[in-house]
Amino acid sequence: MTTPPLHAVETPAPPPEVEWKLRIAAAQRGIWTGTQLRRLLAERAGLELSAASVSALFTKQPSQVKLSTLAALCAALDCTPGDLLTLQESTAPSTPPPRPAPDPARQPSQQQPVPRHRSLPPL
């Protein structure tokens, strides 16, 4: 028979999820297609991206975005990074699981420790 540990291990909270909102931010500024966004990136930010890259940014949530690309998107759309992405708190509980009740038979005695009459080390 195994006994549960006396101290529960706290699990760290999972990282927040990122919501990519480029399509919404672009639509709010009258940009409806990847072609329009690609042209705007070249004109306003000097960033030349392939049609496939712009389409992927426009239609899918990227797993990563270069800071230079994020800055160019902000310049082209006259927005902030907060307009393009938001952090969503994860739905997993962040509180640790409750500790198991201690077993009274396994608790140490409540006696005071015996002082060990040792002198202090020399200074």
PDB file of N, CA and C in Angstrom:
ATOM      1  N   MET A   1       0.839  -1.176   0.000  1.00  0.00           N
ATOM      2  CA  MET A   1       0.000   0.000   0.000  1.00  0.00           C
ATOM      3  C   MET A   1       0.884   1.239   0.000  1.00  0.00           C
ATOM      4  N   THR A   2       0.582   2.155  -0.865  1.00  0.00           N
ATOM      5  CA  THR A   2       1.354   3.397  -0.926  1.00  0.00           C
ATOM      6  C   THR A   2       0.559   4.496  -0.257  1.00  0.00           C
ATOM      7  N   THR A   3       1.282   5.401   0.365  1.00  0.00           N
ATOM      8  CA  THR A   3       0.632   6.534   1.024  1.00  0.00           C
ATOM      9  C   THR A   3       0.775   7.757   0.137  1.00  0.00           C
ATOM     10  N   PRO A   4      -0.220   8.624   0.127  1.00  0.00           N
ATOM     11  CA  PRO A   4      -0.115   9.840  -0.696  1.00  0.00           C
ATOM     12  C   PRO A   4       0.947  10.764  -0.129  1.00  0.00           C
ATOM     13  N   PRO A   5       1.570  11.563  -0.990  1.00  0.00           N
ATOM     14  CA  PRO A   5       2.578  12.500  -0.488  1.00  0.00           C
ATOM     15  C   PRO A   5       1.928  13.541   0.413  1.00  0.00           C
ATOM     16  N   LEU A   6       2.693  13.999   1.395  1.00  0.00           N
ATOM     17  CA  LEU A   6       2.161  14.991   2.323  1.00  0.00           C
ATOM     18  C   LEU A   6       2.036  16.365   1.671  1.00  0.00           C
ATOM     19  N   HIS A   7       2.897  16.659   0.725  1.00  0.00           N
ATOM     20  CA  HIS A   7       2.871  17.966   0.067  1.00  0.00           C
ATOM     21  C   HIS A   7       2.519  17.772  -1.398  1.00  0.00           C
ATOM     22  N   ALA A   8       1.460  18.404  -1.825  1.00  0.00           N
ATOM     23  CA  ALA A   8       1.065  18.334  -3.228  1.00  0.00           C
ATOM     24  C   ALA A   8       1.993  19.215  -4.047  1.00  0.00           C
ATOM     25  N   VAL A   9       2.345  18.763  -5.206  1.00  0.00           N
ATOM     26  CA  VAL A   9       3.194  19.539  -6.102  1.00  0.00           C
ATOM     27  C   VAL A   9       2.301  20.511  -6.861  1.00  0.00           C
ATOM     28  N   GLU A  10       2.658  21.785  -6.818  1.00  0.00           N
ATOM     29  CA  GLU A  10       1.872  22.782  -7.536  1.00  0.00           C
ATOM     30  C   GLU A  10       2.241  22.741  -9.011  1.00  0.00           C
ATOM     31  N   THR A  11       1.235  22.654  -9.837  1.00  0.00           N
ATOM     32  CA  THR A  11       1.482  22.673 -11.272  1.00  0.00           C
ATOM     33  C   THR A  11       1.360  24.115 -11.744  1.00  0.00           C
ATOM     34  N   PRO A  12       2.293  24.551 -12.590  1.00  0.00           N
ATOM     35  CA  PRO A  12       2.212  25.934 -13.067  1.00  0.00           C
ATOM     36  C   PRO A  12       0.991  26.125 -13.956  1.00  0.00           C
ATOM     37  N   ALA A  13       0.491  27.335 -13.961  1.00  0.00           N
ATOM     38  CA  ALA A  13      -0.648  27.656 -14.818  1.00  0.00           C
ATOM     39  C   ALA A  13      -0.220  27.558 -16.270  1.00  0.00           C
ATOM     40  N   PRO A  14      -1.076  27.019 -17.124  1.00  0.00           N
ATOM     41  CA  PRO A  14      -0.713  26.949 -18.537  1.00  0.00           C
ATOM     42  C   PRO A  14      -0.607  28.344 -19.127  1.00  0.00           C
ATOM     43  N   PRO A  15       0.242  28.505 -20.148  1.00  0.00           N
ATOM     44  CA  PRO A  15       0.385  29.829 -20.740  1.00  0.00           C
ATOM     45  C   PRO A  15      -0.919  30.265 -21.414  1.00  0.00           C
ATOM     46  N   PRO A  16      -1.149  31.564 -21.479  1.00  0.00           N
ATOM     47  CA  PRO A  16      -2.374  32.026 -22.131  1.00  0.00           C
ATOM     48  C   PRO A  16      -2.334  31.729 -23.629  1.00  0.00           C
ATOM     49  N   GLU A  17      -3.487  31.578 -24.212  1.00  0.00           N
ATOM     50  CA  GLU A  17      -3.586  31.347 -25.650  1.00  0.00           C
ATOM     51  C   GLU A  17      -3.618  32.686 -26.368  1.00  0.00           C
ATOM     52  N   VAL A  18      -3.089  32.706 -27.571  1.00  0.00           N
ATOM     53  CA  VAL A  18      -3.041  33.932 -28.365  1.00  0.00           C
ATOM     54  C   VAL A  18      -4.123  33.863 -29.436  1.00  0.00           C
ATOM     55  N   GLU A  19      -4.911  34.918 -29.517  1.00  0.00           N
ATOM     56  CA  GLU A  19      -5.928  35.025 -30.571  1.00  0.00           C
ATOM     57  C   GLU A  19      -5.412  35.969 -31.644  1.00  0.00           C
ATOM     58  N   TRP A  20      -5.286  35.488 -32.876  1.00  0.00           N
ATOM     59  CA  TRP A  20      -4.792  36.265 -34.010  1.00  0.00           C
ATOM     60  C   TRP A  20      -5.971  36.962 -34.653  1.00  0.00           C
ATOM     61  N   LYS A  21      -5.946  38.290 -34.710  1.00  0.00           N
ATOM     62  CA  LYS A  21      -7.082  39.076 -35.196  1.00  0.00           C
ATOM     63  C   LYS A  21      -6.733  39.931 -36.406  1.00  0.00           C
ATOM     64  N   LEU A  22      -5.790  39.498 -37.232  1.00  0.00           N
ATOM     65  CA  LEU A  22      -5.390  40.296 -38.397  1.00  0.00           C
ATOM     66  C   LEU A  22      -6.558  40.540 -39.337  1.00  0.00           C
ATOM     67  N   ARG A  23      -7.330  39.514 -39.619  1.00  0.00           N
ATOM     68  CA  ARG A  23      -8.424  39.662 -40.587  1.00  0.00           C
ATOM     69  C   ARG A  23      -9.448  40.687 -40.102  1.00  0.00           C
ATOM     70  N   ILE A  24      -9.755  40.667 -38.805  1.00  0.00           N
ATOM     71  CA  ILE A  24     -10.721  41.623 -38.249  1.00  0.00           C
ATOM     72  C   ILE A  24     -10.149  43.042 -38.292  1.00  0.00           C
ATOM     73  N   ALA A  25      -8.879  43.179 -37.881  1.00  0.00           N
ATOM     74  CA  ALA A  25      -8.249  44.508 -37.894  1.00  0.00           C
ATOM     75  C   ALA A  25      -8.183  45.059 -39.313  1.00  0.00           C
ATOM     76  N   ALA A  26      -7.882  44.208 -40.277  1.00  0.00           N
ATOM     77  CA  ALA A  26      -7.816  44.655 -41.665  1.00  0.00           C
ATOM     78  C   ALA A  26      -9.204  45.051 -42.173  1.00  0.00           C
ATOM     79  N   ALA A  27     -10.214  44.248 -41.854  1.00  0.00           N
ATOM     80  CA  ALA A  27     -11.580  44.539 -42.312  1.00  0.00           C
ATOM     81  C   ALA A  27     -12.081  45.853 -41.730  1.00  0.00           C
ATOM     82  N   GLN A  28     -11.712  46.152 -40.495  1.00  0.00           N
ATOM     83  CA  GLN A  28     -12.120  47.415 -39.878  1.00  0.00           C
ATOM     84  C   GLN A  28     -11.502  48.609 -40.595  1.00  0.00           C
ATOM     85  N   ARG A  29     -10.456  48.357 -41.371  1.00  0.00           N
ATOM     86  CA  ARG A  29      -9.774  49.430 -42.115  1.00  0.00           C
ATOM     87  C   ARG A  29     -10.031  49.327 -43.615  1.00  0.00           C
ATOM     88  N   GLY A  30     -11.028  48.533 -44.002  1.00  0.00           N
ATOM     89  CA  GLY A  30     -11.415  48.422 -45.403  1.00  0.00           C
ATOM     90  C   GLY A  30     -10.529  47.505 -46.237  1.00  0.00           C
ATOM     91  N   ILE A  31      -9.708  46.682 -45.619  1.00  0.00           N
ATOM     92  CA  ILE A  31      -8.850  45.736 -46.336  1.00  0.00           C
ATOM     93  C   ILE A  31      -9.516  44.375 -46.248  1.00  0.00           C
ATOM     94  N   TRP A  32      -9.968  43.850 -47.399  1.00  0.00           N
ATOM     95  CA  TRP A  32     -10.749  42.623 -47.401  1.00  0.00           C
ATOM     96  C   TRP A  32     -10.024  41.431 -47.996  1.00  0.00           C
ATOM     97  N   THR A  33      -8.961  41.653 -48.729  1.00  0.00           N
ATOM     98  CA  THR A  33      -8.275  40.533 -49.386  1.00  0.00           C
ATOM     99  C   THR A  33      -6.784  40.544 -49.067  1.00  0.00           C
ATOM    100  N   GLY A  34      -6.182  39.381 -49.260  1.00  0.00           N
ATOM    101  CA  GLY A  34      -4.739  39.264 -49.082  1.00  0.00           C
ATOM    102  C   GLY A  34      -3.988  40.126 -50.080  1.00  0.00           C
ATOM    103  N   THR A  35      -4.523  40.270 -51.279  1.00  0.00           N
ATOM    104  CA  THR A  35      -3.883  41.089 -52.309  1.00  0.00           C
ATOM    105  C   THR A  35      -3.833  42.555 -51.869  1.00  0.00           C
ATOM    106  N   GLN A  36      -4.936  43.042 -51.306  1.00  0.00           N
ATOM    107  CA  GLN A  36      -4.960  44.425 -50.808  1.00  0.00           C
ATOM    108  C   GLN A  36      -3.956  44.601 -49.676  1.00  0.00           C
ATOM    109  N   LEU A  37      -3.900  43.629 -48.767  1.00  0.00           N
ATOM    110  CA  LEU A  37      -2.966  43.717 -47.644  1.00  0.00           C
ATOM    111  C   LEU A  37      -1.524  43.659 -48.133  1.00  0.00           C
ATOM    112  N   ARG A  38      -1.256  42.800 -49.104  1.00  0.00           N
ATOM    113  CA  ARG A  38       0.107  42.686 -49.650  1.00  0.00           C
ATOM    114  C   ARG A  38       0.549  44.015 -50.270  1.00  0.00           C
ATOM    115  N   ARG A  39      -0.338  44.648 -51.012  1.00  0.00           N
ATOM    116  CA  ARG A  39      -0.028  45.935 -51.634  1.00  0.00           C
ATOM    117  C   ARG A  39       0.218  47.005 -50.567  1.00  0.00           C
ATOM    118  N   LEU A  40      -0.600  47.008 -49.539  1.00  0.00           N
ATOM    119  CA  LEU A  40      -0.468  47.973 -48.458  1.00  0.00           C
ATOM    120  C   LEU A  40       0.846  47.775 -47.688  1.00  0.00           C
ATOM    121  N   LEU A  41       1.225  46.529 -47.450  1.00  0.00           N
ATOM    122  CA  LEU A  41       2.500  46.244 -46.772  1.00  0.00           C
ATOM    123  C   LEU A  41       3.681  46.781 -47.578  1.00  0.00           C
ATOM    124  N   ALA A  42       3.621  46.607 -48.890  1.00  0.00           N
ATOM    125  CA  ALA A  42       4.713  47.092 -49.740  1.00  0.00           C
ATOM    126  C   ALA A  42       4.744  48.619 -49.782  1.00  0.00           C
ATOM    127  N   GLU A  43       3.583  49.257 -49.905  1.00  0.00           N
ATOM    128  CA  GLU A  43       3.530  50.713 -50.027  1.00  0.00           C
ATOM    129  C   GLU A  43       3.857  51.434 -48.717  1.00  0.00           C
ATOM    130  N   ARG A  44       3.258  51.006 -47.623  1.00  0.00           N
ATOM    131  CA  ARG A  44       3.386  51.744 -46.365  1.00  0.00           C
ATOM    132  C   ARG A  44       4.543  51.289 -45.484  1.00  0.00           C
ATOM    133  N   ALA A  45       4.908  50.002 -45.590  1.00  0.00           N
ATOM    134  CA  ALA A  45       5.938  49.482 -44.684  1.00  0.00           C
ATOM    135  C   ALA A  45       7.186  49.009 -45.408  1.00  0.00           C
ATOM    136  N   GLY A  46       7.139  48.961 -46.731  1.00  0.00           N
ATOM    137  CA  GLY A  46       8.295  48.506 -47.497  1.00  0.00           C
ATOM    138  C   GLY A  46       8.579  47.021 -47.349  1.00  0.00           C
ATOM    139  N   LEU A  47       7.576  46.244 -46.957  1.00  0.00           N
ATOM    140  CA  LEU A  47       7.753  44.798 -46.771  1.00  0.00           C
ATOM    141  C   LEU A  47       7.153  44.051 -47.946  1.00  0.00           C
ATOM    142  N   GLU A  48       8.000  43.310 -48.633  1.00  0.00           N
ATOM    143  CA  GLU A  48       7.554  42.490 -49.759  1.00  0.00           C
ATOM    144  C   GLU A  48       7.390  41.053 -49.280  1.00  0.00           C
ATOM    145  N   LEU A  49       6.159  40.590 -49.173  1.00  0.00           N
ATOM    146  CA  LEU A  49       5.877  39.200 -48.811  1.00  0.00           C
ATOM    147  C   LEU A  49       5.241  38.505 -49.999  1.00  0.00           C
ATOM    148  N   SER A  50       5.440  37.194 -50.078  1.00  0.00           N
ATOM    149  CA  SER A  50       4.812  36.435 -51.152  1.00  0.00           C
ATOM    150  C   SER A  50       3.299  36.395 -50.925  1.00  0.00           C
ATOM    151  N   ALA A  51       2.581  36.127 -51.994  1.00  0.00           N
ATOM    152  CA  ALA A  51       1.127  36.032 -51.891  1.00  0.00           C
ATOM    153  C   ALA A  51       0.740  34.914 -50.935  1.00  0.00           C
ATOM    154  N   ALA A  52       1.497  33.811 -50.951  1.00  0.00           N
ATOM    155  CA  ALA A  52       1.200  32.691 -50.062  1.00  0.00           C
ATOM    156  C   ALA A  52       1.423  33.069 -48.594  1.00  0.00           C
ATOM    157  N   SER A  53       2.471  33.827 -48.321  1.00  0.00           N
ATOM    158  CA  SER A  53       2.746  34.247 -46.942  1.00  0.00           C
ATOM    159  C   SER A  53       1.656  35.175 -46.417  1.00  0.00           C
ATOM    160  N   VAL A  54       1.239  36.120 -47.238  1.00  0.00           N
ATOM    161  CA  VAL A  54       0.187  37.049 -46.825  1.00  0.00           C
ATOM    162  C   VAL A  54      -1.125  36.294 -46.656  1.00  0.00           C
ATOM    163  N   SER A  55      -1.404  35.376 -47.553  1.00  0.00           N
ATOM    164  CA  SER A  55      -2.625  34.584 -47.440  1.00  0.00           C
ATOM    165  C   SER A  55      -2.638  33.775 -46.153  1.00  0.00           C
ATOM    166  N   ALA A  56      -1.496  33.178 -45.811  1.00  0.00           N
ATOM    167  CA  ALA A  56      -1.407  32.399 -44.581  1.00  0.00           C
ATOM    168  C   ALA A  56      -1.607  33.283 -43.355  1.00  0.00           C
ATOM    169  N   LEU A  57      -1.002  34.468 -43.350  1.00  0.00           N
ATOM    170  CA  LEU A  57      -1.193  35.398 -42.234  1.00  0.00           C
ATOM    171  C   LEU A  57      -2.646  35.844 -42.126  1.00  0.00           C
ATOM    172  N   PHE A  58      -3.267  35.993 -43.273  1.00  0.00           N
ATOM    173  CA  PHE A  58      -4.625  36.531 -43.342  1.00  0.00           C
ATOM    174  C   PHE A  58      -5.670  35.498 -42.946  1.00  0.00           C
ATOM    175  N   THR A  59      -5.426  34.225 -43.237  1.00  0.00           N
ATOM    176  CA  THR A  59      -6.460  33.209 -43.062  1.00  0.00           C
ATOM    177  C   THR A  59      -6.220  32.235 -41.914  1.00  0.00           C
ATOM    178  N   LYS A  60      -4.999  32.131 -41.410  1.00  0.00           N
ATOM    179  CA  LYS A  60      -4.695  31.153 -40.372  1.00  0.00           C
ATOM    180  C   LYS A  60      -4.040  31.841 -39.182  1.00  0.00           C
ATOM    181  N   GLN A  61      -4.101  31.192 -38.040  1.00  0.00           N
ATOM    182  CA  GLN A  61      -3.372  31.692 -36.875  1.00  0.00           C
ATOM    183  C   GLN A  61      -1.938  31.207 -36.990  1.00  0.00           C
ATOM    184  N   PRO A  62      -0.965  32.115 -37.090  1.00  0.00           N
ATOM    185  CA  PRO A  62       0.422  31.681 -37.214  1.00  0.00           C
ATOM    186  C   PRO A  62       0.939  31.132 -35.884  1.00  0.00           C
ATOM    187  N   SER A  63       1.883  30.192 -35.970  1.00  0.00           N
ATOM    188  CA  SER A  63       2.486  29.673 -34.748  1.00  0.00           C
ATOM    189  C   SER A  63       3.544  30.638 -34.225  1.00  0.00           C
ATOM    190  N   GLN A  64       4.076  31.457 -35.114  1.00  0.00           N
ATOM    191  CA  GLN A  64       5.034  32.491 -34.727  1.00  0.00           C
ATOM    192  C   GLN A  64       5.016  33.605 -35.771  1.00  0.00           C
ATOM    193  N   VAL A  65       5.367  34.801 -35.328  1.00  0.00           N
ATOM    194  CA  VAL A  65       5.429  35.960 -36.226  1.00  0.00           C
ATOM    195  C   VAL A  65       6.700  36.718 -35.891  1.00  0.00           C
ATOM    196  N   LYS A  66       7.475  37.039 -36.912  1.00  0.00           N
ATOM    197  CA  LYS A  66       8.675  37.847 -36.694  1.00  0.00           C
ATOM    198  C   LYS A  66       8.255  39.237 -36.225  1.00  0.00           C
ATOM    199  N   LEU A  67       9.039  39.806 -35.330  1.00  0.00           N
ATOM    200  CA  LEU A  67       8.726  41.148 -34.846  1.00  0.00           C
ATOM    201  C   LEU A  67       8.739  42.167 -35.974  1.00  0.00           C
ATOM    202  N   SER A  68       9.629  41.979 -36.939  1.00  0.00           N
ATOM    203  CA  SER A  68       9.671  42.909 -38.068  1.00  0.00           C
ATOM    204  C   SER A  68       8.385  42.823 -38.902  1.00  0.00           C
ATOM    205  N   THR A  69       7.834  41.615 -39.028  1.00  0.00           N
ATOM    206  CA  THR A  69       6.570  41.450 -39.754  1.00  0.00           C
ATOM    207  C   THR A  69       5.427  42.074 -38.969  1.00  0.00           C
ATOM    208  N   LEU A  70       5.423  41.870 -37.659  1.00  0.00           N
ATOM    209  CA  LEU A  70       4.392  42.464 -36.813  1.00  0.00           C
ATOM    210  C   LEU A  70       4.450  43.989 -36.896  1.00  0.00           C
ATOM    211  N   ALA A  71       5.651  44.541 -36.858  1.00  0.00           N
ATOM    212  CA  ALA A  71       5.813  45.992 -36.958  1.00  0.00           C
ATOM    213  C   ALA A  71       5.330  46.495 -38.319  1.00  0.00           C
ATOM    214  N   ALA A  72       5.625  45.753 -39.389  1.00  0.00           N
ATOM    215  CA  ALA A  72       5.182  46.157 -40.724  1.00  0.00           C
ATOM    216  C   ALA A  72       3.659  46.102 -40.837  1.00  0.00           C
ATOM    217  N   LEU A  73       3.047  45.075 -40.270  1.00  0.00           N
ATOM    218  CA  LEU A  73       1.587  44.987 -40.285  1.00  0.00           C
ATOM    219  C   LEU A  73       0.972  46.166 -39.540  1.00  0.00           C
ATOM    220  N   CYS A  74       1.570  46.512 -38.398  1.00  0.00           N
ATOM    221  CA  CYS A  74       1.065  47.661 -37.625  1.00  0.00           C
ATOM    222  C   CYS A  74       1.216  48.966 -38.409  1.00  0.00           C
ATOM    223  N   ALA A  75       2.348  49.123 -39.096  1.00  0.00           N
ATOM    224  CA  ALA A  75       2.564  50.340 -39.889  1.00  0.00           C
ATOM    225  C   ALA A  75       1.593  50.398 -41.064  1.00  0.00           C
ATOM    226  N   ALA A  76       1.408  49.274 -41.725  1.00  0.00           N
ATOM    227  CA  ALA A  76       0.530  49.246 -42.906  1.00  0.00           C
ATOM    228  C   ALA A  76      -0.923  49.492 -42.527  1.00  0.00           C
ATOM    229  N   LEU A  77      -1.358  48.954 -41.399  1.00  0.00           N
ATOM    230  CA  LEU A  77      -2.757  49.079 -40.997  1.00  0.00           C
ATOM    231  C   LEU A  77      -2.989  50.226 -40.015  1.00  0.00           C
ATOM    232  N   ASP A  78      -1.914  50.940 -39.668  1.00  0.00           N
ATOM    233  CA  ASP A  78      -2.000  52.032 -38.704  1.00  0.00           C
ATOM    234  C   ASP A  78      -2.709  51.556 -37.432  1.00  0.00           C
ATOM    235  N   CYS A  79      -2.100  50.521 -36.815  1.00  0.00           N
ATOM    236  CA  CYS A  79      -2.679  49.934 -35.610  1.00  0.00           C
ATOM    237  C   CYS A  79      -1.567  49.560 -34.637  1.00  0.00           C
ATOM    238  N   THR A  80      -1.920  48.970 -33.534  1.00  0.00           N
ATOM    239  CA  THR A  80      -0.955  48.513 -32.540  1.00  0.00           C
ATOM    240  C   THR A  80      -0.949  46.986 -32.519  1.00  0.00           C
ATOM    241  N   PRO A  81       0.081  46.367 -31.938  1.00  0.00           N
ATOM    242  CA  PRO A  81       0.070  44.903 -31.819  1.00  0.00           C
ATOM    243  C   PRO A  81      -1.159  44.390 -31.073  1.00  0.00           C
ATOM    244  N   GLY A  82      -1.661  45.165 -30.131  1.00  0.00           N
ATOM    245  CA  GLY A  82      -2.865  44.757 -29.410  1.00  0.00           C
ATOM    246  C   GLY A  82      -4.093  44.667 -30.298  1.00  0.00           C
ATOM    247  N   ASP A  83      -4.079  45.364 -31.435  1.00  0.00           N
ATOM    248  CA  ASP A  83      -5.182  45.251 -32.389  1.00  0.00           C
ATOM    249  C   ASP A  83      -5.086  43.958 -33.194  1.00  0.00           C
ATOM    250  N   LEU A  84      -3.879  43.397 -33.281  1.00  0.00           N
ATOM    251  CA  LEU A  84      -3.659  42.205 -34.102  1.00  0.00           C
ATOM    252  C   LEU A  84      -3.680  40.905 -33.315  1.00  0.00           C
ATOM    253  N   LEU A  85      -3.381  40.984 -32.034  1.00  0.00           N
ATOM    254  CA  LEU A  85      -3.418  39.770 -31.223  1.00  0.00           C
ATOM    255  C   LEU A  85      -3.798  40.101 -29.798  1.00  0.00           C
ATOM    256  N   THR A  86      -4.452  39.151 -29.150  1.00  0.00           N
ATOM    257  CA  THR A  86      -4.813  39.298 -27.746  1.00  0.00           C
ATOM    258  C   THR A  86      -4.497  38.003 -27.029  1.00  0.00           C
ATOM    259  N   LEU A  87      -4.251  38.121 -25.746  1.00  0.00           N
ATOM    260  CA  LEU A  87      -3.998  36.942 -24.918  1.00  0.00           C
ATOM    261  C   LEU A  87      -5.298  36.531 -24.256  1.00  0.00           C
ATOM    262  N   GLN A  88      -5.644  35.262 -24.416  1.00  0.00           N
ATOM    263  CA  GLN A  88      -6.840  34.713 -23.793  1.00  0.00           C
ATOM    264  C   GLN A  88      -6.400  33.846 -22.623  1.00  0.00           C
ATOM    265  N   GLU A  89      -6.921  34.115 -21.441  1.00  0.00           N
ATOM    266  CA  GLU A  89      -6.583  33.283 -20.292  1.00  0.00           C
ATOM    267  C   GLU A  89      -7.045  31.863 -20.573  1.00  0.00           C
ATOM    268  N   SER A  90      -6.210  30.906 -20.196  1.00  0.00           N
ATOM    269  CA  SER A  90      -6.567  29.518 -20.445  1.00  0.00           C
ATOM    270  C   SER A  90      -7.711  29.128 -19.528  1.00  0.00           C
ATOM    271  N   THR A  91      -8.458  28.131 -19.931  1.00  0.00           N
ATOM    272  CA  THR A  91      -9.620  27.693 -19.164  1.00  0.00           C
ATOM    273  C   THR A  91      -9.260  26.648 -18.127  1.00  0.00           C
ATOM    274  N   ALA A  92      -8.022  26.177 -18.110  1.00  0.00           N
ATOM    275  CA  ALA A  92      -7.607  25.175 -17.132  1.00  0.00           C
ATOM    276  C   ALA A  92      -7.500  25.820 -15.759  1.00  0.00           C
ATOM    277  N   PRO A  93      -7.864  25.079 -14.723  1.00  0.00           N
ATOM    278  CA  PRO A  93      -7.767  25.671 -13.383  1.00  0.00           C
ATOM    279  C   PRO A  93      -6.321  25.920 -13.007  1.00  0.00           C
ATOM    280  N   SER A  94      -6.079  27.064 -12.361  1.00  0.00           N
ATOM    281  CA  SER A  94      -4.711  27.402 -11.980  1.00  0.00           C
ATOM    282  C   SER A  94      -4.453  27.124 -10.509  1.00  0.00           C
ATOM    283  N   THR A  95      -5.477  26.657  -9.795  1.00  0.00           N
ATOM    284  CA  THR A  95      -5.276  26.353  -8.389  1.00  0.00           C
ATOM    285  C   THR A  95      -4.779  24.928  -8.247  1.00  0.00           C
ATOM    286  N   PRO A  96      -3.879  24.698  -7.310  1.00  0.00           N
ATOM    287  CA  PRO A  96      -3.363  23.344  -7.135  1.00  0.00           C
ATOM    288  C   PRO A  96      -4.444  22.439  -6.557  1.00  0.00           C
ATOM    289  N   PRO A  97      -4.328  21.139  -6.778  1.00  0.00           N
ATOM    290  CA  PRO A  97      -5.314  20.225  -6.225  1.00  0.00           C
ATOM    291  C   PRO A  97      -5.231  20.248  -4.695  1.00  0.00           C
ATOM    292  N   PRO A  98      -6.321  19.924  -4.014  1.00  0.00           N
ATOM    293  CA  PRO A  98      -6.290  19.969  -2.558  1.00  0.00           C
ATOM    294  C   PRO A  98      -5.319  18.937  -1.994  1.00  0.00           C
ATOM    295  N   ARG A  99      -4.744  19.289  -0.874  1.00  0.00           N
ATOM    296  CA  ARG A  99      -3.808  18.377  -0.223  1.00  0.00           C
ATOM    297  C   ARG A  99      -4.594  17.261   0.456  1.00  0.00           C
ATOM    298  N   PRO A 100      -4.042  16.052   0.465  1.00  0.00           N
ATOM    299  CA  PRO A 100      -4.733  14.980   1.176  1.00  0.00           C
ATOM    300  C   PRO A 100      -4.639  15.209   2.684  1.00  0.00           C
ATOM    301  N   ALA A 101      -5.636  14.726   3.381  1.00  0.00           N
ATOM    302  CA  ALA A 101      -5.628  14.870   4.844  1.00  0.00           C
ATOM    303  C   ALA A 101      -4.467  14.068   5.412  1.00  0.00           C
ATOM    304  N   PRO A 102      -3.738  14.636   6.375  1.00  0.00           N
ATOM    305  CA  PRO A 102      -2.610  13.899   6.945  1.00  0.00           C
ATOM    306  C   PRO A 102      -3.093  12.705   7.749  1.00  0.00           C
ATOM    307  N   ASP A 103      -2.325  11.665   7.724  1.00  0.00           N
ATOM    308  CA  ASP A 103      -2.613  10.451   8.458  1.00  0.00           C
ATOM    309  C   ASP A 103      -2.139  10.644   9.897  1.00  0.00           C
ATOM    310  N   PRO A 104      -3.043  10.625  10.893  1.00  0.00           N
ATOM    311  CA  PRO A 104      -2.615  10.885  12.264  1.00  0.00           C
ATOM    312  C   PRO A 104      -1.583   9.875  12.762  1.00  0.00           C
ATOM    313  N   ALA A 105      -1.611   8.670  12.263  1.00  0.00           N
ATOM    314  CA  ALA A 105      -0.643   7.661  12.723  1.00  0.00           C
ATOM    315  C   ALA A 105       0.764   7.978  12.242  1.00  0.00           C
ATOM    316  N   ARG A 106       0.899   8.763  11.170  1.00  0.00           N
ATOM    317  CA  ARG A 106       2.212   9.050  10.609  1.00  0.00           C
ATOM    318  C   ARG A 106       2.771  10.396  11.052  1.00  0.00           C
ATOM    319  N   GLN A 107       2.005  11.179  11.793  1.00  0.00           N
ATOM    320  CA  GLN A 107       2.482  12.496  12.205  1.00  0.00           C
ATOM    321  C   GLN A 107       3.558  12.368  13.268  1.00  0.00           C
ATOM    322  N   PRO A 108       4.582  13.229  13.206  1.00  0.00           N
ATOM    323  CA  PRO A 108       5.616  13.197  14.251  1.00  0.00           C
ATOM    324  C   PRO A 108       5.037  13.665  15.576  1.00  0.00           C
ATOM    325  N   SER A 109       5.672  13.276  16.623  1.00  0.00           N
ATOM    326  CA  SER A 109       5.196  13.680  17.951  1.00  0.00           C
ATOM    327  C   SER A 109       5.320  15.193  18.101  1.00  0.00           C
ATOM    328  N   GLN A 110       4.523  15.746  18.962  1.00  0.00           N
ATOM    329  CA  GLN A 110       4.490  17.182  19.164  1.00  0.00           C
ATOM    330  C   GLN A 110       5.448  17.636  20.261  1.00  0.00           C
ATOM    331  N   GLN A 111       6.452  16.829  20.595  1.00  0.00           N
ATOM    332  CA  GLN A 111       7.408  17.188  21.631  1.00  0.00           C
ATOM    333  C   GLN A 111       8.343  18.275  21.130  1.00  0.00           C
ATOM    334  N   GLN A 112       8.796  19.093  22.080  1.00  0.00           N
ATOM    335  CA  GLN A 112       9.757  20.140  21.760  1.00  0.00           C
ATOM    336  C   GLN A 112      11.125  19.504  21.547  1.00  0.00           C
ATOM    337  N   PRO A 113      11.920  20.021  20.611  1.00  0.00           N
ATOM    338  CA  PRO A 113      13.256  19.455  20.425  1.00  0.00           C
ATOM    339  C   PRO A 113      14.132  19.716  21.661  1.00  0.00           C
ATOM    340  N   VAL A 114      15.014  18.785  21.898  1.00  0.00           N
ATOM    341  CA  VAL A 114      15.918  18.902  23.036  1.00  0.00           C
ATOM    342  C   VAL A 114      17.039  19.864  22.647  1.00  0.00           C
ATOM    343  N   PRO A 115      17.273  20.934  23.452  1.00  0.00           N
ATOM    344  CA  PRO A 115      18.358  21.861  23.113  1.00  0.00           C
ATOM    345  C   PRO A 115      19.708  21.162  23.216  1.00  0.00           C
ATOM    346  N   ARG A 116      20.596  21.476  22.347  1.00  0.00           N
ATOM    347  CA  ARG A 116      21.934  20.889  22.334  1.00  0.00           C
ATOM    348  C   ARG A 116      22.906  21.949  22.808  1.00  0.00           C
ATOM    349  N   HIS A 117      23.248  22.030  23.935  1.00  0.00           N
ATOM    350  CA  HIS A 117      24.042  23.086  24.546  1.00  0.00           C
ATOM    351  C   HIS A 117      25.390  23.239  23.866  1.00  0.00           C
ATOM    352  N   ARG A 118      25.357  23.769  22.669  1.00  0.00           N
ATOM    353  CA  ARG A 118      26.595  24.017  21.932  1.00  0.00           C
ATOM    354  C   ARG A 118      26.926  25.492  22.025  1.00  0.00           C
ATOM    355  N   SER A 119      28.182  25.757  22.021  1.00  0.00           N
ATOM    356  CA  SER A 119      28.595  27.156  22.044  1.00  0.00           C
ATOM    357  C   SER A 119      28.653  27.680  20.618  1.00  0.00           C
ATOM    358  N   LEU A 120      28.656  28.968  20.490  1.00  0.00           N
ATOM    359  CA  LEU A 120      28.760  29.592  19.179  1.00  0.00           C
ATOM    360  C   LEU A 120      30.189  29.472  18.672  1.00  0.00           C
ATOM    361  N   PRO A 121      30.382  29.457  17.372  1.00  0.00           N
ATOM    362  CA  PRO A 121      31.743  29.401  16.843  1.00  0.00           C
ATOM    363  C   PRO A 121      32.485  30.696  17.158  1.00  0.00           C
ATOM    364  N   PRO A 122      33.814  30.643  17.209  1.00  0.00           N
ATOM    365  CA  PRO A 122      34.576  31.860  17.510  1.00  0.00           C
ATOM    366  C   PRO A 122      34.409  32.897  16.402  1.00  0.00           C
ATOM    367  N   LEU A 123      34.501  34.155  16.772  1.00  0.00           N
ATOM    368  CA  LEU A 123      34.369  35.246  15.798  1.00  0.00           C
ATOM    369  C   LEU A 123      35.685  35.633  15.220  1.00  0.00           C
TER     370      LEU A 123
END
